[in-house]
Protein backbone atom coordinates (compact mmCIF):
# COMPACT_ATOMS: atom_id res chain seq x y z
CA MET A 1 40.28 -31.28 3.79
CA PRO A 2 37.65 -31.62 1.53
CA TYR A 3 36.50 -35.07 0.23
CA GLN A 4 37.50 -35.93 -3.04
CA PRO A 5 36.21 -38.77 -5.30
CA THR A 6 38.17 -41.82 -6.86
CA ASP A 7 41.78 -41.08 -6.98
CA PRO A 8 44.20 -44.03 -7.90
CA ARG A 9 47.78 -42.55 -7.03
CA PRO A 10 48.87 -42.99 -3.08
CA ILE A 11 48.56 -39.91 -1.05
CA PRO A 12 51.24 -39.17 1.09
CA ALA A 13 50.15 -38.23 4.48
CA ALA A 14 51.90 -37.78 7.87
CA ILE A 15 50.47 -38.67 11.21
CA ALA A 16 51.98 -37.46 14.73
CA VAL A 17 52.23 -40.14 17.61
CA VAL A 18 52.48 -38.08 20.40
CA VAL A 19 53.19 -39.82 23.59
CA ARG A 20 52.92 -38.23 27.19
CA ASP A 21 54.09 -40.17 30.15
CA THR A 22 51.94 -43.03 29.69
CA GLN A 23 48.99 -41.84 27.51
CA VAL A 24 49.08 -41.32 23.88
CA LEU A 25 46.73 -38.59 21.67
CA LEU A 26 44.14 -40.00 19.79
CA VAL A 27 41.46 -38.40 17.50
CA ARG A 28 38.33 -39.79 16.73
CA ARG A 29 38.19 -39.27 12.74
CA ALA A 30 35.33 -37.48 10.99
CA ASN A 31 36.09 -38.29 7.30
CA PRO A 32 37.28 -41.46 5.41
CA PRO A 33 39.01 -43.49 5.93
CA ASP A 34 38.21 -44.89 9.08
CA ALA A 35 35.56 -42.18 9.79
CA GLY A 36 34.45 -42.74 13.33
CA LEU A 37 37.52 -44.65 14.46
CA TRP A 38 40.27 -43.36 17.05
CA GLY A 39 43.42 -42.87 15.53
CA PHE A 40 46.68 -40.32 15.29
CA PRO A 41 46.06 -36.98 14.45
CA GLY A 42 47.46 -36.40 10.68
CA GLY A 43 46.90 -35.84 7.37
CA ARG A 44 48.28 -35.08 3.45
CA ILE A 45 51.55 -33.41 3.05
CA ASP A 46 51.22 -30.48 1.06
CA PRO A 47 53.26 -29.97 -1.91
CA GLY A 48 56.72 -28.95 -0.78
CA GLU A 49 56.28 -29.43 2.79
CA PRO A 50 58.73 -31.15 4.82
CA LEU A 51 57.52 -34.34 6.49
CA PHE A 52 57.96 -33.06 10.13
CA ASP A 53 56.55 -30.05 9.41
CA ALA A 54 53.57 -32.07 7.94
CA ALA A 55 53.13 -34.18 10.99
CA ILE A 56 53.64 -31.09 13.75
CA ARG A 57 50.97 -28.90 11.06
CA GLU A 58 48.40 -31.53 11.11
CA LEU A 59 48.47 -31.88 14.83
CA ALA A 60 48.03 -28.68 15.61
CA GLU A 61 45.28 -28.22 13.41
CA GLU A 62 43.07 -31.57 14.73
CA THR A 63 44.02 -30.93 18.43
CA GLY A 64 45.58 -27.56 19.00
CA VAL A 65 48.64 -29.62 21.04
CA SER A 66 52.07 -28.72 20.47
CA ALA A 67 55.16 -31.20 20.00
CA ASP A 68 58.77 -31.79 18.57
CA PRO A 69 58.84 -34.35 16.14
CA LEU A 70 61.87 -36.96 16.97
CA ARG A 71 61.92 -39.22 14.17
CA VAL A 72 60.28 -41.82 11.64
CA ILE A 73 58.49 -44.50 13.14
CA THR A 74 57.29 -46.34 10.23
CA ALA A 75 55.04 -46.31 7.46
CA LEU A 76 51.42 -47.56 7.09
CA ASP A 77 48.82 -48.29 4.43
CA ALA A 78 45.33 -46.83 4.92
CA PHE A 79 42.31 -47.44 2.45
CA ASP A 80 39.19 -45.71 1.42
CA HIS A 81 36.64 -48.19 0.00
CA ASP A 82 32.98 -46.83 -1.23
CA GLY A 83 30.09 -49.35 -0.25
CA THR A 84 30.61 -51.62 -3.38
CA GLY A 85 34.38 -52.04 -2.08
CA THR A 86 35.91 -50.34 -4.87
CA LEU A 87 39.05 -48.39 -4.10
CA ARG A 88 38.94 -44.37 -3.74
CA ARG A 89 41.90 -43.51 -1.96
CA HIS A 90 45.04 -45.06 -0.91
CA PHE A 91 46.99 -43.13 1.50
CA ILE A 92 50.80 -44.15 2.67
CA LEU A 93 50.73 -42.83 6.59
CA VAL A 94 54.36 -41.79 8.01
CA ALA A 95 54.17 -42.17 11.56
CA VAL A 96 56.22 -39.58 13.18
CA LEU A 97 57.12 -40.10 17.06
CA CYS A 98 56.60 -36.68 18.64
CA ARG A 99 57.76 -35.22 22.17
CA TRP A 100 54.38 -33.22 23.77
CA THR A 101 55.61 -29.72 24.53
CA ALA A 102 52.12 -27.74 25.31
CA GLY A 103 48.66 -27.53 24.83
CA ASP A 104 45.77 -29.96 26.05
CA PRO A 105 43.73 -31.43 22.99
CA ILE A 106 40.38 -29.90 21.64
CA ALA A 107 39.20 -31.59 18.58
CA ALA A 108 38.98 -29.09 15.47
CA ASP A 109 39.33 -29.65 11.93
CA ASP A 110 38.62 -32.98 10.74
CA ALA A 111 38.85 -34.45 14.37
CA LEU A 112 35.43 -35.23 16.33
CA GLU A 113 37.05 -35.66 19.61
CA ALA A 114 40.46 -35.39 20.74
CA ARG A 115 41.76 -37.17 24.16
CA TRP A 116 45.04 -38.51 25.84
CA ILE A 117 44.35 -42.18 26.24
CA GLU A 118 46.17 -44.56 28.47
CA ILE A 119 48.41 -46.90 26.11
CA THR A 120 47.59 -50.19 28.10
CA ALA A 121 43.52 -49.07 27.72
CA LEU A 122 44.05 -49.45 23.92
CA LYS A 123 43.95 -53.36 23.61
CA GLU A 124 40.98 -53.27 26.07
CA GLY A 125 38.80 -53.22 22.84
CA HIS A 126 36.43 -49.91 24.66
CA LEU A 127 37.27 -47.46 21.91
CA PRO A 128 36.84 -48.47 17.97
CA LEU A 129 40.28 -47.77 16.86
CA SER A 130 41.95 -47.64 13.28
CA ARG A 131 44.16 -50.41 12.04
CA ASP A 132 47.44 -50.64 14.01
CA VAL A 133 46.76 -47.90 16.36
CA ALA A 134 47.41 -50.32 19.44
CA GLU A 135 50.63 -51.97 18.52
CA LEU A 136 51.87 -48.58 16.95
CA ALA A 137 51.31 -46.73 20.37
CA ASP A 138 53.18 -49.66 22.05
CA HIS A 139 56.04 -49.02 20.03
CA ALA A 140 56.33 -45.50 20.13
CA ALA A 141 56.02 -45.67 23.80
CA ALA A 142 59.02 -47.94 23.83
CA LEU A 143 61.03 -45.67 21.74
CA MET A 144 60.17 -42.55 24.04
CA ALA A 145 61.83 -44.77 26.86
CA GLU A 146 64.79 -44.55 24.93
CA VAL A 147 64.87 -40.85 24.21
CA PRO A 148 66.88 -38.60 26.73
CA ALA A 149 64.71 -36.32 28.79
């Protein structure tokens, strides 16, 4: 996704929250917002693209991992500000809970790194995380425990 200057309209995006056993799949972002921070794979929803399709497409583009979308978990705001604090872009991230089906993560597209991370380790502060990542991972793990195998 090429960088674009100031866009005052909220931009819809999907993030794939993939839980496998006691781990969650995260990527280290290359681009704003949250460049350099760890978060869930995702990106813009293309015009006419269904939400679940967008989440799975972005997951594959950024990590090479395949998953089945299960349900929407929540929606979050992500703001991109310039050095003076001026809002450049506002993303509305729709978090989609996904069940891993295949693949080992390999960083691609706008991900610098991609890997499985223990959910319990997210609160230890060893990784610089995007806002709400640890809480969303905990919530997703609880939801996955309720999903039939």
